[in-house]
Amino acid sequence: MSFEERADAVIAALDGDELKQVYRILHQHLNEHPELMDTDFLIELQNYLHRRARAEGIDVGDHGAWDRWLGNDGAPSCEARSRMRRKLPEQ
């Protein structure tokens, strides 16, 4: 893993499994930190992981398949998730 500064940006060479872990942890704590929801970092991380998953034949619209690919083996189904969903406060 490495970081390189280019002007006002940071270019990173990161391990895919570590990126999945970072995404899982951030996503698990979005209720506690809703300000992260619309950050460029989280959006780009999710977009990147979606592209990788699709390249490996994963249907990212199937939350169960997406969760398994991310390493969330015990994640609840979409139906259970919908029942547990809490509305985030307006910002």
N, C-alpha and C. Protein backbone atom coordinates (compact mmCIF):
# COMPACT_ATOMS: atom_id res chain seq x y z
N MET A 1 0.85 -1.17 0.00
CA MET A 1 0.00 0.00 0.00
C MET A 1 0.90 1.23 0.00
N SER A 2 0.47 2.22 -0.77
CA SER A 2 1.24 3.47 -0.79
C SER A 2 0.34 4.64 -1.16
N PHE A 3 0.78 5.82 -0.75
CA PHE A 3 0.10 7.07 -1.08
C PHE A 3 1.12 7.98 -1.76
N GLU A 4 0.64 8.73 -2.74
CA GLU A 4 1.50 9.69 -3.44
C GLU A 4 0.72 10.98 -3.60
N GLU A 5 1.33 12.09 -3.21
CA GLU A 5 0.68 13.39 -3.37
C GLU A 5 0.91 13.92 -4.78
N ARG A 6 -0.16 14.44 -5.37
CA ARG A 6 -0.09 15.11 -6.67
C ARG A 6 -0.92 16.37 -6.56
N ALA A 7 -0.24 17.48 -6.44
CA ALA A 7 -0.91 18.78 -6.24
C ALA A 7 -1.81 18.67 -5.01
N ASP A 8 -3.11 18.88 -5.19
CA ASP A 8 -4.04 18.82 -4.05
C ASP A 8 -4.68 17.45 -3.91
N ALA A 9 -4.22 16.45 -4.65
CA ALA A 9 -4.82 15.12 -4.63
C ALA A 9 -3.85 14.11 -4.04
N VAL A 10 -4.39 12.98 -3.65
CA VAL A 10 -3.58 11.87 -3.17
C VAL A 10 -3.92 10.66 -4.04
N ILE A 11 -2.91 10.05 -4.60
CA ILE A 11 -3.05 8.84 -5.40
C ILE A 11 -2.64 7.69 -4.50
N ALA A 12 -3.45 6.62 -4.51
CA ALA A 12 -3.17 5.51 -3.61
C ALA A 12 -3.10 4.19 -4.37
N ALA A 13 -2.19 3.35 -3.95
CA ALA A 13 -2.11 1.97 -4.41
C ALA A 13 -2.46 1.13 -3.19
N LEU A 14 -3.67 0.55 -3.20
CA LEU A 14 -4.18 -0.12 -2.01
C LEU A 14 -4.58 -1.56 -2.30
N ASP A 15 -4.50 -2.39 -1.30
CA ASP A 15 -4.90 -3.79 -1.39
C ASP A 15 -6.42 -3.90 -1.46
N GLY A 16 -6.94 -4.69 -2.40
CA GLY A 16 -8.38 -4.84 -2.59
C GLY A 16 -9.11 -5.35 -1.36
N ASP A 17 -8.53 -6.32 -0.66
CA ASP A 17 -9.19 -6.83 0.54
C ASP A 17 -9.24 -5.78 1.64
N GLU A 18 -8.21 -4.95 1.74
CA GLU A 18 -8.24 -3.88 2.73
C GLU A 18 -9.29 -2.83 2.37
N LEU A 19 -9.45 -2.55 1.07
CA LEU A 19 -10.49 -1.60 0.65
C LEU A 19 -11.88 -2.14 1.00
N LYS A 20 -12.09 -3.43 0.81
CA LYS A 20 -13.37 -4.04 1.19
C LYS A 20 -13.60 -3.87 2.69
N GLN A 21 -12.57 -4.10 3.48
CA GLN A 21 -12.69 -3.98 4.94
C GLN A 21 -13.01 -2.55 5.34
N VAL A 22 -12.33 -1.59 4.74
CA VAL A 22 -12.60 -0.17 5.04
C VAL A 22 -14.04 0.17 4.67
N TYR A 23 -14.49 -0.28 3.51
CA TYR A 23 -15.86 -0.02 3.07
C TYR A 23 -16.87 -0.64 4.03
N ARG A 24 -16.65 -1.91 4.42
CA ARG A 24 -17.58 -2.57 5.35
C ARG A 24 -17.70 -1.80 6.64
N ILE A 25 -16.58 -1.39 7.20
CA ILE A 25 -16.59 -0.69 8.49
C ILE A 25 -17.25 0.68 8.36
N LEU A 26 -16.91 1.42 7.31
CA LEU A 26 -17.55 2.73 7.11
C LEU A 26 -19.06 2.56 6.92
N HIS A 27 -19.45 1.61 6.11
CA HIS A 27 -20.87 1.40 5.82
C HIS A 27 -21.63 1.00 7.08
N GLN A 28 -21.02 0.18 7.94
CA GLN A 28 -21.66 -0.25 9.18
C GLN A 28 -21.91 0.91 10.13
N HIS A 29 -21.16 1.99 10.00
CA HIS A 29 -21.26 3.09 10.95
C HIS A 29 -21.85 4.37 10.35
N LEU A 30 -22.50 4.25 9.20
CA LEU A 30 -23.09 5.44 8.57
C LEU A 30 -24.20 6.05 9.41
N ASN A 31 -24.94 5.23 10.16
CA ASN A 31 -25.98 5.80 11.03
C ASN A 31 -25.38 6.72 12.09
N GLU A 32 -24.19 6.37 12.55
CA GLU A 32 -23.52 7.18 13.57
C GLU A 32 -22.83 8.41 12.96
N HIS A 33 -22.49 8.32 11.68
CA HIS A 33 -21.76 9.39 11.00
C HIS A 33 -22.37 9.66 9.63
N PRO A 34 -23.60 10.16 9.59
CA PRO A 34 -24.27 10.37 8.28
C PRO A 34 -23.54 11.36 7.39
N GLU A 35 -22.66 12.17 7.95
CA GLU A 35 -21.92 13.13 7.14
C GLU A 35 -20.98 12.43 6.15
N LEU A 36 -20.69 11.16 6.40
CA LEU A 36 -19.84 10.40 5.48
C LEU A 36 -20.58 9.96 4.22
N MET A 37 -21.91 9.92 4.30
CA MET A 37 -22.74 9.34 3.24
C MET A 37 -22.43 9.90 1.86
N ASP A 38 -22.30 11.19 1.74
CA ASP A 38 -22.12 11.82 0.43
C ASP A 38 -20.69 12.30 0.18
N THR A 39 -19.73 11.74 0.89
CA THR A 39 -18.34 12.15 0.65
C THR A 39 -17.84 11.53 -0.65
N ASP A 40 -17.01 12.27 -1.35
CA ASP A 40 -16.41 11.75 -2.57
C ASP A 40 -15.67 10.45 -2.30
N PHE A 41 -15.01 10.38 -1.15
CA PHE A 41 -14.24 9.17 -0.82
C PHE A 41 -15.14 7.94 -0.80
N LEU A 42 -16.24 8.00 -0.07
CA LEU A 42 -17.11 6.83 0.06
C LEU A 42 -17.79 6.50 -1.27
N ILE A 43 -18.22 7.51 -2.00
CA ILE A 43 -18.86 7.29 -3.29
C ILE A 43 -17.88 6.64 -4.27
N GLU A 44 -16.66 7.17 -4.35
CA GLU A 44 -15.67 6.60 -5.27
C GLU A 44 -15.24 5.21 -4.84
N LEU A 45 -15.13 4.98 -3.53
CA LEU A 45 -14.77 3.65 -3.04
C LEU A 45 -15.85 2.65 -3.43
N GLN A 46 -17.11 3.01 -3.24
CA GLN A 46 -18.20 2.10 -3.60
C GLN A 46 -18.22 1.87 -5.11
N ASN A 47 -18.05 2.93 -5.90
CA ASN A 47 -18.03 2.77 -7.36
C ASN A 47 -16.91 1.83 -7.79
N TYR A 48 -15.74 1.99 -7.21
CA TYR A 48 -14.60 1.13 -7.54
C TYR A 48 -14.90 -0.32 -7.19
N LEU A 49 -15.41 -0.53 -5.98
CA LEU A 49 -15.72 -1.90 -5.55
C LEU A 49 -16.83 -2.51 -6.40
N HIS A 50 -17.83 -1.71 -6.78
CA HIS A 50 -18.87 -2.22 -7.68
C HIS A 50 -18.26 -2.68 -9.01
N ARG A 51 -17.36 -1.89 -9.57
CA ARG A 51 -16.72 -2.26 -10.84
C ARG A 51 -15.94 -3.57 -10.69
N ARG A 52 -15.19 -3.69 -9.61
CA ARG A 52 -14.42 -4.93 -9.37
C ARG A 52 -15.34 -6.12 -9.22
N ALA A 53 -16.42 -5.95 -8.44
CA ALA A 53 -17.35 -7.06 -8.22
C ALA A 53 -18.00 -7.48 -9.53
N ARG A 54 -18.47 -6.50 -10.32
CA ARG A 54 -19.10 -6.83 -11.60
C ARG A 54 -18.11 -7.55 -12.53
N ALA A 55 -16.85 -7.14 -12.50
CA ALA A 55 -15.82 -7.79 -13.32
C ALA A 55 -15.64 -9.25 -12.91
N GLU A 56 -15.95 -9.55 -11.66
CA GLU A 56 -15.85 -10.92 -11.16
C GLU A 56 -17.18 -11.67 -11.28
N GLY A 57 -18.16 -11.05 -11.96
CA GLY A 57 -19.43 -11.71 -12.20
C GLY A 57 -20.46 -11.56 -11.10
N ILE A 58 -20.25 -10.62 -10.19
CA ILE A 58 -21.18 -10.40 -9.08
C ILE A 58 -22.27 -9.41 -9.51
N ASP A 59 -23.52 -9.75 -9.22
CA ASP A 59 -24.64 -8.83 -9.45
C ASP A 59 -24.72 -7.93 -8.22
N VAL A 60 -24.22 -6.70 -8.35
CA VAL A 60 -24.17 -5.80 -7.19
C VAL A 60 -25.56 -5.34 -6.78
N GLY A 61 -26.57 -5.56 -7.62
CA GLY A 61 -27.95 -5.25 -7.25
C GLY A 61 -28.54 -6.30 -6.33
N ASP A 62 -27.90 -7.45 -6.24
CA ASP A 62 -28.30 -8.53 -5.32
C ASP A 62 -27.51 -8.30 -4.03
N HIS A 63 -28.15 -7.72 -3.03
CA HIS A 63 -27.43 -7.34 -1.81
C HIS A 63 -26.76 -8.51 -1.13
N GLY A 64 -27.36 -9.68 -1.21
CA GLY A 64 -26.75 -10.86 -0.61
C GLY A 64 -25.43 -11.21 -1.29
N ALA A 65 -25.43 -11.21 -2.64
CA ALA A 65 -24.21 -11.51 -3.39
C ALA A 65 -23.15 -10.43 -3.15
N TRP A 66 -23.58 -9.17 -3.14
CA TRP A 66 -22.67 -8.05 -2.88
C TRP A 66 -22.05 -8.18 -1.49
N ASP A 67 -22.89 -8.46 -0.49
CA ASP A 67 -22.38 -8.61 0.88
C ASP A 67 -21.40 -9.77 0.98
N ARG A 68 -21.72 -10.90 0.37
CA ARG A 68 -20.79 -12.04 0.42
C ARG A 68 -19.46 -11.68 -0.23
N TRP A 69 -19.51 -10.97 -1.37
CA TRP A 69 -18.29 -10.57 -2.05
C TRP A 69 -17.45 -9.64 -1.17
N LEU A 70 -18.15 -8.76 -0.45
CA LEU A 70 -17.44 -7.84 0.46
C LEU A 70 -16.87 -8.54 1.69
N GLY A 71 -17.37 -9.73 1.99
CA GLY A 71 -16.94 -10.45 3.18
C GLY A 71 -17.93 -10.37 4.33
N ASN A 72 -19.15 -9.88 4.06
CA ASN A 72 -20.22 -9.80 5.07
C ASN A 72 -21.04 -11.08 5.02
N ASP A 73 -20.47 -12.18 5.45
CA ASP A 73 -21.14 -13.47 5.33
C ASP A 73 -22.43 -13.55 6.13
N GLY A 74 -22.53 -12.87 7.24
CA GLY A 74 -23.72 -12.96 8.09
C GLY A 74 -24.69 -11.80 7.90
N ALA A 75 -24.58 -11.10 6.78
CA ALA A 75 -25.42 -9.92 6.56
C ALA A 75 -26.88 -10.33 6.37
N PRO A 76 -27.82 -9.51 6.88
CA PRO A 76 -29.25 -9.83 6.74
C PRO A 76 -29.71 -9.68 5.29
N SER A 77 -30.80 -10.35 4.97
CA SER A 77 -31.38 -10.26 3.64
C SER A 77 -31.91 -8.86 3.39
N CYS A 78 -32.24 -8.56 2.13
CA CYS A 78 -32.80 -7.25 1.79
C CYS A 78 -34.10 -7.01 2.54
N GLU A 79 -34.92 -8.04 2.66
CA GLU A 79 -36.21 -7.89 3.35
C GLU A 79 -35.99 -7.55 4.82
N ALA A 80 -35.09 -8.27 5.47
CA ALA A 80 -34.80 -7.99 6.89
C ALA A 80 -34.18 -6.61 7.04
N ARG A 81 -33.32 -6.27 6.12
CA ARG A 81 -32.68 -4.96 6.15
C ARG A 81 -33.70 -3.83 6.06
N SER A 82 -34.67 -4.00 5.17
CA SER A 82 -35.71 -2.97 5.00
C SER A 82 -36.52 -2.79 6.28
N ARG A 83 -36.81 -3.88 6.96
CA ARG A 83 -37.58 -3.79 8.21
C ARG A 83 -36.77 -3.07 9.29
N MET A 84 -35.45 -3.24 9.28
CA MET A 84 -34.60 -2.65 10.31
C MET A 84 -34.16 -1.23 9.98
N ARG A 85 -34.38 -0.80 8.74
CA ARG A 85 -33.86 0.48 8.27
C ARG A 85 -34.41 1.64 9.10
N ARG A 86 -33.53 2.51 9.46
CA ARG A 86 -33.88 3.70 10.21
C ARG A 86 -33.69 4.90 9.29
N LYS A 87 -34.61 5.82 9.32
CA LYS A 87 -34.51 7.01 8.48
C LYS A 87 -33.44 7.94 9.07
N LEU A 88 -32.53 8.37 8.20
CA LEU A 88 -31.48 9.29 8.64
C LEU A 88 -32.06 10.69 8.79
N PRO A 89 -31.55 11.46 9.74
CA PRO A 89 -32.04 12.83 9.93
C PRO A 89 -31.75 13.68 8.71
N GLU A 90 -32.64 14.63 8.45
CA GLU A 90 -32.46 15.58 7.35
C GLU A 90 -31.25 16.45 7.66
N GLN A 91 -30.50 16.82 6.63
CA GLN A 91 -29.32 17.67 6.83
C GLN A 91 -29.50 18.99 6.16
